[in-house]
Amino acid sequence: TRGNHGNTIRRFIEEAGSTYILIIRPGDILDKYCLSKVAKFIDQTLADIIYTDERQVRTEAQSDEAALKPGWSPELLKSFNYFGRVTAIRRDLALAALPCENDSPCISTIEAAEWDLNLRASMQAATIMRLPETLCFRSETSTKDLRLASPKQADLRRVLKDHWRTLGHDADVDQAPDGTFRSRWPLITQPLVSIIIP
């Protein structure tokens, strides 16, 4: 649907009565023990953000493929929205991270709005942890990882540029052929490099 998906996500989070929120889309099939496993992991870790592994269908072979994710990496999250499914974010942190409706940038795709939420929330989270279990099956077929951007998703580039601007960098953002993003910005001063030879 058209409109500002950033505001749509914020309204859904405001209306939620839970302590944590999860965003899923049509075609996402959760493991039958997904919510109980996520809740148990939250009780054990008290993490602000938790993400799990997932499985996706590949068009070529019509077979599913596991998307196993690394531990928390702020650099990787600035390359693409690797959190994917399932991601649980503490509701009060998500609301604090998102801008008010009148200040929200116009985000026309749900993929960009989700990445925007994850980037903003990760800046305020004290603890981000991976739950190493495959708890979501994404039945949408694709030739590539569904977490990666297509060339037409210009909103994702704008989301990342806005994120760098928040961090004080006027970055140039380029998209690689594989769908990830690379960010560059000019150095204000020349850095000094030390070479240590043990």
N, C-alpha and C. Protein backbone atom coordinates (compact mmCIF):
# COMPACT_ATOMS: atom_id res chain seq x y z
N THR A 1 0.83 -1.19 0.00
CA THR A 1 0.00 0.00 0.00
C THR A 1 0.88 1.25 0.00
N ARG A 2 0.30 2.37 -0.48
CA ARG A 2 1.03 3.62 -0.51
C ARG A 2 0.92 4.32 0.83
N GLY A 3 1.80 5.31 1.03
CA GLY A 3 1.78 6.07 2.26
C GLY A 3 3.12 5.96 2.96
N ASN A 4 3.18 6.55 4.15
CA ASN A 4 4.41 6.56 4.92
C ASN A 4 4.42 5.33 5.83
N HIS A 5 5.19 4.32 5.45
CA HIS A 5 5.22 3.09 6.24
C HIS A 5 5.92 3.28 7.57
N GLY A 6 6.77 4.30 7.68
CA GLY A 6 7.38 4.59 8.97
C GLY A 6 6.32 4.97 9.99
N ASN A 7 5.38 5.82 9.59
CA ASN A 7 4.28 6.20 10.49
C ASN A 7 3.36 5.02 10.76
N THR A 8 3.15 4.18 9.75
CA THR A 8 2.30 3.00 9.94
C THR A 8 2.87 2.08 11.00
N ILE A 9 4.17 1.81 10.93
CA ILE A 9 4.81 0.95 11.92
C ILE A 9 4.72 1.58 13.31
N ARG A 10 4.95 2.90 13.39
CA ARG A 10 4.87 3.56 14.69
C ARG A 10 3.47 3.42 15.29
N ARG A 11 2.42 3.60 14.48
CA ARG A 11 1.06 3.48 15.00
C ARG A 11 0.78 2.07 15.49
N PHE A 12 1.25 1.08 14.75
CA PHE A 12 1.04 -0.31 15.18
C PHE A 12 1.74 -0.57 16.52
N ILE A 13 2.95 -0.03 16.67
CA ILE A 13 3.69 -0.23 17.91
C ILE A 13 2.99 0.48 19.07
N GLU A 14 2.47 1.68 18.81
CA GLU A 14 1.75 2.42 19.85
C GLU A 14 0.53 1.64 20.33
N GLU A 15 -0.14 0.96 19.40
CA GLU A 15 -1.36 0.24 19.75
C GLU A 15 -1.09 -1.12 20.39
N ALA A 16 0.14 -1.61 20.25
CA ALA A 16 0.48 -2.92 20.82
C ALA A 16 0.48 -2.86 22.34
N GLY A 17 0.02 -3.91 22.98
CA GLY A 17 -0.01 -3.94 24.43
C GLY A 17 1.07 -4.81 25.04
N SER A 18 2.05 -5.20 24.21
CA SER A 18 3.08 -6.14 24.67
C SER A 18 4.35 -5.40 25.10
N THR A 19 5.25 -6.13 25.73
CA THR A 19 6.53 -5.56 26.13
C THR A 19 7.51 -5.52 24.97
N TYR A 20 7.42 -6.52 24.08
CA TYR A 20 8.26 -6.59 22.88
C TYR A 20 7.36 -6.65 21.65
N ILE A 21 7.88 -6.21 20.52
CA ILE A 21 7.13 -6.26 19.26
C ILE A 21 7.92 -7.06 18.23
N LEU A 22 7.19 -7.77 17.36
CA LEU A 22 7.77 -8.50 16.23
C LEU A 22 7.02 -8.06 14.99
N ILE A 23 7.73 -7.86 13.90
CA ILE A 23 7.10 -7.52 12.62
C ILE A 23 7.23 -8.71 11.69
N ILE A 24 6.11 -9.22 11.22
CA ILE A 24 6.12 -10.28 10.22
C ILE A 24 5.23 -9.85 9.07
N ARG A 25 5.39 -10.53 7.94
CA ARG A 25 4.64 -10.17 6.74
C ARG A 25 3.91 -11.39 6.20
N PRO A 26 2.92 -11.18 5.31
CA PRO A 26 2.23 -12.33 4.70
C PRO A 26 3.24 -13.28 4.07
N GLY A 27 3.07 -14.56 4.33
CA GLY A 27 4.00 -15.56 3.83
C GLY A 27 5.03 -15.99 4.85
N ASP A 28 5.17 -15.24 5.95
CA ASP A 28 6.09 -15.64 7.02
C ASP A 28 5.40 -16.69 7.89
N ILE A 29 6.05 -17.84 8.06
CA ILE A 29 5.50 -18.92 8.86
C ILE A 29 6.41 -19.13 10.07
N LEU A 30 5.89 -18.86 11.25
CA LEU A 30 6.68 -18.99 12.47
C LEU A 30 6.70 -20.43 12.95
N ASP A 31 7.83 -20.85 13.47
CA ASP A 31 7.92 -22.14 14.15
C ASP A 31 6.88 -22.17 15.27
N LYS A 32 6.29 -23.33 15.51
CA LYS A 32 5.20 -23.39 16.50
C LYS A 32 5.67 -23.04 17.91
N TYR A 33 6.97 -23.15 18.15
CA TYR A 33 7.49 -22.78 19.47
C TYR A 33 8.22 -21.43 19.44
N CYS A 34 8.07 -20.68 18.35
CA CYS A 34 8.84 -19.45 18.18
C CYS A 34 8.64 -18.48 19.34
N LEU A 35 7.41 -18.14 19.63
CA LEU A 35 7.16 -17.11 20.65
C LEU A 35 7.63 -17.55 22.03
N SER A 36 7.42 -18.83 22.35
CA SER A 36 7.85 -19.30 23.67
C SER A 36 9.38 -19.32 23.76
N LYS A 37 10.07 -19.66 22.66
CA LYS A 37 11.53 -19.67 22.68
C LYS A 37 12.09 -18.25 22.77
N VAL A 38 11.47 -17.32 22.05
CA VAL A 38 11.90 -15.92 22.13
C VAL A 38 11.68 -15.37 23.53
N ALA A 39 10.51 -15.66 24.11
CA ALA A 39 10.20 -15.18 25.46
C ALA A 39 11.18 -15.75 26.48
N LYS A 40 11.52 -17.03 26.36
CA LYS A 40 12.47 -17.65 27.28
C LYS A 40 13.85 -17.01 27.14
N PHE A 41 14.26 -16.73 25.89
CA PHE A 41 15.56 -16.11 25.65
C PHE A 41 15.59 -14.70 26.23
N ILE A 42 14.49 -13.99 26.11
CA ILE A 42 14.41 -12.65 26.70
C ILE A 42 14.55 -12.72 28.21
N ASP A 43 13.86 -13.68 28.84
CA ASP A 43 13.97 -13.84 30.29
C ASP A 43 15.40 -14.14 30.72
N GLN A 44 16.11 -14.92 29.89
CA GLN A 44 17.47 -15.31 30.24
C GLN A 44 18.48 -14.18 30.03
N THR A 45 18.27 -13.37 29.01
CA THR A 45 19.29 -12.39 28.61
C THR A 45 18.92 -10.94 28.92
N LEU A 46 17.62 -10.65 29.02
CA LEU A 46 17.13 -9.28 29.20
C LEU A 46 17.59 -8.37 28.06
N ALA A 47 17.79 -8.96 26.88
CA ALA A 47 18.26 -8.18 25.73
C ALA A 47 17.18 -7.22 25.24
N ASP A 48 17.61 -6.08 24.71
CA ASP A 48 16.67 -5.10 24.16
C ASP A 48 16.19 -5.53 22.77
N ILE A 49 17.08 -6.14 22.00
CA ILE A 49 16.75 -6.61 20.65
C ILE A 49 17.25 -8.04 20.51
N ILE A 50 16.40 -8.89 19.97
CA ILE A 50 16.76 -10.28 19.72
C ILE A 50 16.40 -10.61 18.28
N TYR A 51 17.30 -11.29 17.57
CA TYR A 51 16.97 -11.74 16.22
C TYR A 51 17.36 -13.21 16.08
N THR A 52 16.63 -13.93 15.21
CA THR A 52 16.84 -15.36 15.05
C THR A 52 17.24 -15.67 13.61
N ASP A 53 17.58 -16.91 13.36
CA ASP A 53 17.84 -17.36 12.00
C ASP A 53 16.52 -17.62 11.28
N GLU A 54 16.60 -17.83 9.96
CA GLU A 54 15.39 -18.05 9.17
C GLU A 54 15.68 -18.95 7.99
N ARG A 55 14.63 -19.39 7.32
CA ARG A 55 14.76 -20.18 6.10
C ARG A 55 13.97 -19.48 5.00
N GLN A 56 14.50 -19.55 3.76
CA GLN A 56 13.87 -18.90 2.61
C GLN A 56 13.82 -19.88 1.43
N VAL A 57 12.86 -19.64 0.53
CA VAL A 57 12.73 -20.47 -0.67
C VAL A 57 13.51 -19.83 -1.80
N ARG A 58 14.34 -20.60 -2.49
CA ARG A 58 15.08 -20.12 -3.65
C ARG A 58 14.38 -20.57 -4.93
N THR A 59 14.21 -19.65 -5.87
CA THR A 59 13.45 -19.91 -7.09
C THR A 59 14.07 -21.01 -7.94
N GLU A 60 15.40 -20.99 -8.07
CA GLU A 60 16.05 -21.90 -9.01
C GLU A 60 15.77 -23.37 -8.69
N ALA A 61 15.97 -23.74 -7.44
CA ALA A 61 15.83 -25.15 -7.07
C ALA A 61 14.50 -25.45 -6.40
N GLN A 62 13.71 -24.41 -6.15
CA GLN A 62 12.45 -24.57 -5.42
C GLN A 62 12.68 -25.32 -4.10
N SER A 63 13.79 -25.01 -3.47
CA SER A 63 14.09 -25.62 -2.18
C SER A 63 14.41 -24.51 -1.19
N ASP A 64 14.23 -24.81 0.08
CA ASP A 64 14.48 -23.77 1.07
C ASP A 64 15.95 -23.78 1.50
N GLU A 65 16.40 -22.61 1.93
CA GLU A 65 17.80 -22.42 2.27
C GLU A 65 17.87 -21.66 3.59
N ALA A 66 18.74 -22.10 4.47
CA ALA A 66 18.88 -21.46 5.77
C ALA A 66 19.66 -20.16 5.64
N ALA A 67 19.18 -19.13 6.32
CA ALA A 67 19.92 -17.87 6.44
C ALA A 67 20.41 -17.79 7.87
N LEU A 68 21.64 -18.28 8.08
CA LEU A 68 22.25 -18.27 9.40
C LEU A 68 22.99 -16.96 9.60
N LYS A 69 22.74 -16.30 10.69
CA LYS A 69 23.23 -14.94 10.89
C LYS A 69 24.36 -14.88 11.91
N PRO A 70 25.23 -13.90 11.79
CA PRO A 70 26.31 -13.75 12.78
C PRO A 70 25.79 -13.09 14.05
N GLY A 71 26.68 -12.96 15.03
CA GLY A 71 26.35 -12.20 16.22
C GLY A 71 26.18 -10.72 15.87
N TRP A 72 25.84 -9.93 16.87
CA TRP A 72 25.55 -8.51 16.66
C TRP A 72 26.72 -7.81 15.99
N SER A 73 26.43 -7.16 14.85
CA SER A 73 27.44 -6.43 14.08
C SER A 73 26.85 -5.12 13.61
N PRO A 74 27.19 -4.00 14.25
CA PRO A 74 26.66 -2.71 13.78
C PRO A 74 27.10 -2.38 12.37
N GLU A 75 28.30 -2.81 11.98
CA GLU A 75 28.79 -2.55 10.62
C GLU A 75 27.94 -3.29 9.59
N LEU A 76 27.61 -4.55 9.87
CA LEU A 76 26.82 -5.32 8.92
C LEU A 76 25.41 -4.76 8.79
N LEU A 77 24.84 -4.29 9.90
CA LEU A 77 23.49 -3.72 9.84
C LEU A 77 23.47 -2.45 9.00
N LYS A 78 24.59 -1.78 8.88
CA LYS A 78 24.68 -0.60 8.01
C LYS A 78 24.93 -0.97 6.55
N SER A 79 25.09 -2.26 6.30
CA SER A 79 25.27 -2.74 4.93
C SER A 79 23.96 -3.28 4.37
N PHE A 80 23.19 -3.97 5.18
CA PHE A 80 21.84 -4.41 4.82
C PHE A 80 21.13 -4.84 6.10
N ASN A 81 19.83 -5.00 6.01
CA ASN A 81 19.03 -5.31 7.19
C ASN A 81 19.15 -6.79 7.52
N TYR A 82 20.31 -7.17 8.05
CA TYR A 82 20.57 -8.60 8.23
C TYR A 82 19.75 -9.22 9.36
N PHE A 83 19.13 -8.41 10.23
CA PHE A 83 18.30 -8.97 11.30
C PHE A 83 17.22 -9.88 10.72
N GLY A 84 16.51 -9.40 9.70
CA GLY A 84 15.49 -10.22 9.05
C GLY A 84 14.42 -10.72 10.01
N ARG A 85 14.03 -11.98 9.81
CA ARG A 85 13.03 -12.62 10.67
C ARG A 85 13.70 -13.64 11.57
N VAL A 86 13.29 -13.81 12.78
CA VAL A 86 12.34 -12.98 13.51
C VAL A 86 13.14 -11.98 14.32
N THR A 87 12.71 -10.73 14.40
CA THR A 87 13.36 -9.73 15.22
C THR A 87 12.38 -9.23 16.27
N ALA A 88 12.79 -9.32 17.53
CA ALA A 88 11.97 -8.83 18.65
C ALA A 88 12.66 -7.61 19.26
N ILE A 89 11.92 -6.52 19.36
CA ILE A 89 12.45 -5.26 19.89
C ILE A 89 11.59 -4.82 21.07
N ARG A 90 12.24 -4.39 22.13
CA ARG A 90 11.49 -3.89 23.28
C ARG A 90 10.62 -2.71 22.86
N ARG A 91 9.35 -2.77 23.18
CA ARG A 91 8.39 -1.81 22.64
C ARG A 91 8.73 -0.37 23.05
N ASP A 92 9.07 -0.14 24.32
CA ASP A 92 9.35 1.24 24.74
C ASP A 92 10.60 1.78 24.06
N LEU A 93 11.58 0.91 23.79
CA LEU A 93 12.78 1.35 23.08
C LEU A 93 12.44 1.71 21.64
N ALA A 94 11.59 0.90 20.99
CA ALA A 94 11.21 1.18 19.60
C ALA A 94 10.50 2.52 19.50
N LEU A 95 9.60 2.80 20.43
CA LEU A 95 8.87 4.07 20.40
C LEU A 95 9.80 5.25 20.66
N ALA A 96 10.76 5.06 21.56
CA ALA A 96 11.71 6.15 21.85
C ALA A 96 12.63 6.39 20.65
N ALA A 97 12.92 5.35 19.90
CA ALA A 97 13.85 5.48 18.77
C ALA A 97 13.21 6.11 17.55
N LEU A 98 11.92 5.83 17.33
CA LEU A 98 11.25 6.34 16.13
C LEU A 98 10.87 7.80 16.29
N PRO A 99 10.93 8.59 15.23
CA PRO A 99 10.51 9.99 15.31
C PRO A 99 9.00 10.10 15.45
N CYS A 100 8.55 11.25 15.96
CA CYS A 100 7.11 11.49 16.03
C CYS A 100 6.53 11.53 14.62
N GLU A 101 5.23 11.31 14.53
CA GLU A 101 4.60 11.18 13.21
C GLU A 101 4.83 12.41 12.34
N ASN A 102 4.79 13.60 12.93
CA ASN A 102 4.98 14.82 12.13
C ASN A 102 6.43 15.00 11.67
N ASP A 103 7.38 14.36 12.38
CA ASP A 103 8.80 14.51 12.04
C ASP A 103 9.33 13.34 11.23
N SER A 104 8.50 12.35 10.98
CA SER A 104 8.97 11.13 10.33
C SER A 104 9.22 11.36 8.85
N PRO A 105 10.38 10.92 8.32
CA PRO A 105 10.62 11.02 6.87
C PRO A 105 9.66 10.10 6.13
N CYS A 106 9.32 10.46 4.91
CA CYS A 106 8.40 9.65 4.13
C CYS A 106 9.12 8.39 3.63
N ILE A 107 8.65 7.24 4.07
CA ILE A 107 9.22 5.96 3.68
C ILE A 107 8.12 5.16 2.99
N SER A 108 8.29 4.89 1.71
CA SER A 108 7.19 4.34 0.91
C SER A 108 7.19 2.82 0.82
N THR A 109 8.21 2.14 1.38
CA THR A 109 8.23 0.68 1.35
C THR A 109 8.37 0.13 2.76
N ILE A 110 7.74 -1.02 3.00
CA ILE A 110 7.81 -1.62 4.32
C ILE A 110 9.22 -2.11 4.61
N GLU A 111 9.96 -2.55 3.58
CA GLU A 111 11.33 -3.02 3.79
C GLU A 111 12.21 -1.89 4.35
N ALA A 112 12.06 -0.70 3.78
CA ALA A 112 12.85 0.44 4.25
C ALA A 112 12.43 0.87 5.65
N ALA A 113 11.13 0.81 5.93
CA ALA A 113 10.63 1.19 7.25
C ALA A 113 11.15 0.24 8.32
N GLU A 114 11.22 -1.04 8.01
CA GLU A 114 11.75 -2.02 8.97
C GLU A 114 13.23 -1.77 9.23
N TRP A 115 14.00 -1.51 8.16
CA TRP A 115 15.43 -1.24 8.34
C TRP A 115 15.64 0.04 9.14
N ASP A 116 14.84 1.05 8.86
CA ASP A 116 14.91 2.30 9.61
C ASP A 116 14.68 2.06 11.10
N LEU A 117 13.66 1.26 11.41
CA LEU A 117 13.39 0.93 12.81
C LEU A 117 14.57 0.20 13.44
N ASN A 118 15.12 -0.80 12.75
CA ASN A 118 16.22 -1.57 13.32
C ASN A 118 17.47 -0.71 13.53
N LEU A 119 17.76 0.18 12.56
CA LEU A 119 18.92 1.05 12.72
C LEU A 119 18.74 2.01 13.89
N ARG A 120 17.57 2.62 13.97
CA ARG A 120 17.31 3.57 15.07
C ARG A 120 17.32 2.87 16.43
N ALA A 121 16.64 1.72 16.50
CA ALA A 121 16.57 1.01 17.78
C ALA A 121 17.93 0.50 18.22
N SER A 122 18.76 0.06 17.27
CA SER A 122 20.08 -0.46 17.62
C SER A 122 20.97 0.62 18.23
N MET A 123 20.74 1.88 17.87
CA MET A 123 21.53 2.97 18.42
C MET A 123 21.25 3.18 19.90
N GLN A 124 20.04 2.82 20.34
CA GLN A 124 19.65 3.06 21.73
C GLN A 124 19.69 1.80 22.59
N ALA A 125 19.83 0.64 21.95
CA ALA A 125 19.79 -0.61 22.69
C ALA A 125 21.09 -0.84 23.48
N ALA A 126 20.94 -1.34 24.70
CA ALA A 126 22.11 -1.69 25.50
C ALA A 126 22.61 -3.08 25.16
N THR A 127 21.68 -3.98 24.81
CA THR A 127 22.06 -5.36 24.53
C THR A 127 21.30 -5.86 23.30
N ILE A 128 22.03 -6.36 22.32
CA ILE A 128 21.46 -6.96 21.11
C ILE A 128 22.05 -8.35 20.97
N MET A 129 21.19 -9.35 20.84
CA MET A 129 21.66 -10.73 20.84
C MET A 129 20.98 -11.56 19.76
N ARG A 130 21.71 -12.51 19.23
CA ARG A 130 21.17 -13.48 18.29
C ARG A 130 20.74 -14.73 19.04
N LEU A 131 19.52 -15.18 18.76
CA LEU A 131 19.04 -16.47 19.23
C LEU A 131 19.31 -17.47 18.11
N PRO A 132 20.30 -18.36 18.27
CA PRO A 132 20.74 -19.21 17.16
C PRO A 132 19.80 -20.39 16.88
N GLU A 133 18.58 -20.07 16.51
CA GLU A 133 17.61 -21.09 16.11
C GLU A 133 16.82 -20.57 14.92
N THR A 134 16.47 -21.46 14.01
CA THR A 134 15.69 -21.08 12.84
C THR A 134 14.22 -21.12 13.21
N LEU A 135 13.63 -19.93 13.40
CA LEU A 135 12.28 -19.86 13.94
C LEU A 135 11.27 -19.25 12.97
N CYS A 136 11.70 -18.97 11.73
CA CYS A 136 10.77 -18.43 10.74
C CYS A 136 11.08 -19.01 9.36
N PHE A 137 10.02 -19.40 8.65
CA PHE A 137 10.14 -19.85 7.27
C PHE A 137 9.44 -18.83 6.40
N ARG A 138 10.17 -18.23 5.46
CA ARG A 138 9.60 -17.21 4.57
C ARG A 138 9.26 -17.88 3.25
N SER A 139 7.97 -18.03 3.00
CA SER A 139 7.52 -18.81 1.84
C SER A 139 7.58 -18.05 0.52
N GLU A 140 7.83 -16.74 0.58
CA GLU A 140 7.98 -15.96 -0.65
C GLU A 140 9.22 -16.43 -1.40
N THR A 141 9.05 -16.75 -2.69
CA THR A 141 10.19 -17.25 -3.46
C THR A 141 11.00 -16.10 -4.04
N SER A 142 12.31 -16.29 -4.12
CA SER A 142 13.19 -15.25 -4.63
C SER A 142 14.47 -15.89 -5.13
N THR A 143 15.15 -15.21 -6.05
CA THR A 143 16.44 -15.70 -6.53
C THR A 143 17.57 -15.35 -5.59
N LYS A 144 17.30 -14.47 -4.62
CA LYS A 144 18.35 -14.03 -3.70
C LYS A 144 17.79 -13.92 -2.30
N ASP A 145 18.65 -13.61 -1.36
CA ASP A 145 18.26 -13.42 0.03
C ASP A 145 17.22 -12.30 0.12
N LEU A 146 16.09 -12.58 0.74
CA LEU A 146 15.01 -11.59 0.83
C LEU A 146 15.40 -10.37 1.66
N ARG A 147 16.46 -10.48 2.44
CA ARG A 147 16.88 -9.33 3.24
C ARG A 147 17.65 -8.30 2.43
N LEU A 148 18.07 -8.69 1.21
CA LEU A 148 18.85 -7.79 0.37
C LEU A 148 17.95 -6.93 -0.51
N ALA A 149 18.45 -5.77 -0.88
CA ALA A 149 17.64 -4.81 -1.63
C ALA A 149 17.68 -5.10 -3.12
N SER A 150 16.58 -4.77 -3.78
CA SER A 150 16.57 -4.78 -5.24
C SER A 150 16.99 -3.39 -5.72
N PRO A 151 17.44 -3.26 -6.98
CA PRO A 151 17.89 -1.95 -7.47
C PRO A 151 16.82 -0.87 -7.43
N LYS A 152 15.54 -1.25 -7.40
CA LYS A 152 14.46 -0.27 -7.44
C LYS A 152 14.11 0.29 -6.06
N GLN A 153 14.70 -0.25 -5.00
CA GLN A 153 14.33 0.17 -3.66
C GLN A 153 15.18 1.37 -3.22
N ALA A 154 14.88 2.52 -3.80
CA ALA A 154 15.65 3.73 -3.49
C ALA A 154 15.44 4.18 -2.05
N ASP A 155 14.30 3.82 -1.46
CA ASP A 155 14.04 4.20 -0.08
C ASP A 155 15.09 3.65 0.87
N LEU A 156 15.63 2.48 0.59
CA LEU A 156 16.64 1.89 1.46
C LEU A 156 17.90 2.74 1.48
N ARG A 157 18.27 3.28 0.33
CA ARG A 157 19.45 4.15 0.26
C ARG A 157 19.21 5.43 1.08
N ARG A 158 18.01 5.98 0.97
CA ARG A 158 17.71 7.19 1.73
C ARG A 158 17.72 6.93 3.24
N VAL A 159 17.20 5.78 3.64
CA VAL A 159 17.20 5.42 5.06
C VAL A 159 18.62 5.36 5.59
N LEU A 160 19.53 4.74 4.82
CA LEU A 160 20.90 4.63 5.27
C LEU A 160 21.61 5.98 5.29
N LYS A 161 21.36 6.82 4.28
CA LYS A 161 21.95 8.16 4.27
C LYS A 161 21.48 8.97 5.48
N ASP A 162 20.19 8.86 5.81
CA ASP A 162 19.66 9.57 6.98
C ASP A 162 20.30 9.05 8.26
N HIS A 163 20.54 7.75 8.31
CA HIS A 163 21.18 7.17 9.50
C HIS A 163 22.59 7.72 9.66
N TRP A 164 23.36 7.77 8.58
CA TRP A 164 24.71 8.32 8.66
C TRP A 164 24.68 9.79 9.04
N ARG A 165 23.67 10.51 8.52
CA ARG A 165 23.55 11.93 8.86
C ARG A 165 23.31 12.10 10.37
N THR A 166 22.54 11.21 10.96
CA THR A 166 22.31 11.23 12.41
C THR A 166 23.62 11.04 13.17
N LEU A 167 24.52 10.25 12.59
CA LEU A 167 25.82 9.98 13.22
C LEU A 167 26.87 11.04 12.88
N GLY A 168 26.46 12.06 12.10
CA GLY A 168 27.37 13.16 11.81
C GLY A 168 28.18 13.00 10.54
N HIS A 169 27.76 12.09 9.64
CA HIS A 169 28.50 11.87 8.39
C HIS A 169 27.59 12.15 7.19
N ASP A 170 28.10 12.94 6.27
CA ASP A 170 27.40 13.16 5.00
C ASP A 170 27.93 12.12 4.02
N ALA A 171 27.35 10.93 4.07
CA ALA A 171 27.92 9.79 3.36
C ALA A 171 27.34 9.64 1.96
N ASP A 172 28.20 9.17 1.06
CA ASP A 172 27.74 8.69 -0.25
C ASP A 172 27.43 7.20 -0.10
N VAL A 173 26.24 6.81 -0.52
CA VAL A 173 25.81 5.43 -0.36
C VAL A 173 25.61 4.80 -1.73
N ASP A 174 26.34 3.73 -2.00
CA ASP A 174 26.24 3.01 -3.27
C ASP A 174 25.75 1.59 -3.00
N GLN A 175 24.98 1.08 -3.96
CA GLN A 175 24.48 -0.29 -3.84
C GLN A 175 25.32 -1.23 -4.68
N ALA A 176 25.78 -2.31 -4.07
CA ALA A 176 26.57 -3.32 -4.78
C ALA A 176 25.65 -4.25 -5.56
N PRO A 177 26.18 -4.98 -6.54
CA PRO A 177 25.34 -5.89 -7.32
C PRO A 177 24.61 -6.93 -6.48
N ASP A 178 25.18 -7.30 -5.33
CA ASP A 178 24.53 -8.33 -4.51
C ASP A 178 23.40 -7.78 -3.64
N GLY A 179 23.16 -6.45 -3.69
CA GLY A 179 22.07 -5.86 -2.93
C GLY A 179 22.48 -5.21 -1.63
N THR A 180 23.74 -5.37 -1.22
CA THR A 180 24.22 -4.70 -0.01
C THR A 180 24.61 -3.26 -0.36
N PHE A 181 24.86 -2.45 0.68
CA PHE A 181 25.21 -1.05 0.47
C PHE A 181 26.61 -0.77 1.02
N ARG A 182 27.31 0.15 0.34
CA ARG A 182 28.63 0.60 0.77
C ARG A 182 28.56 2.11 1.00
N SER A 183 29.08 2.55 2.14
CA SER A 183 29.02 3.96 2.51
C SER A 183 30.42 4.55 2.58
N ARG A 184 30.55 5.78 2.07
CA ARG A 184 31.84 6.48 2.09
C ARG A 184 31.59 7.95 2.41
N TRP A 185 32.55 8.57 3.09
CA TRP A 185 32.48 10.01 3.34
C TRP A 185 33.89 10.56 3.45
N PRO A 186 34.09 11.85 3.14
CA PRO A 186 35.44 12.44 3.18
C PRO A 186 35.94 12.56 4.61
N LEU A 187 37.24 12.37 4.79
CA LEU A 187 37.85 12.52 6.10
C LEU A 187 38.14 13.99 6.36
N ILE A 188 37.80 14.46 7.54
CA ILE A 188 38.04 15.86 7.90
C ILE A 188 39.53 16.09 8.16
N THR A 189 40.16 15.13 8.81
CA THR A 189 41.60 15.22 9.08
C THR A 189 42.28 13.95 8.56
N GLN A 190 43.58 14.06 8.32
CA GLN A 190 44.33 12.89 7.87
C GLN A 190 44.65 12.01 9.09
N PRO A 191 44.20 10.76 9.09
CA PRO A 191 44.47 9.91 10.26
C PRO A 191 45.93 9.46 10.29
N LEU A 192 46.40 9.19 11.50
CA LEU A 192 47.74 8.65 11.68
C LEU A 192 47.63 7.14 11.83
N VAL A 193 48.51 6.42 11.19
CA VAL A 193 48.51 4.97 11.24
C VAL A 193 49.82 4.48 11.84
N SER A 194 49.73 3.63 12.86
CA SER A 194 50.92 3.05 13.47
C SER A 194 51.03 1.60 13.06
N ILE A 195 52.22 1.19 12.68
CA ILE A 195 52.49 -0.20 12.32
C ILE A 195 53.32 -0.81 13.42
N ILE A 196 52.77 -1.86 14.04
CA ILE A 196 53.45 -2.53 15.14
C ILE A 196 54.01 -3.86 14.66
N ILE A 197 55.29 -4.06 14.76
CA ILE A 197 55.91 -5.30 14.36
C ILE A 197 56.41 -6.01 15.63
N PRO A 198 55.75 -7.09 16.03
CA PRO A 198 56.15 -7.75 17.29
C PRO A 198 57.48 -8.48 17.13
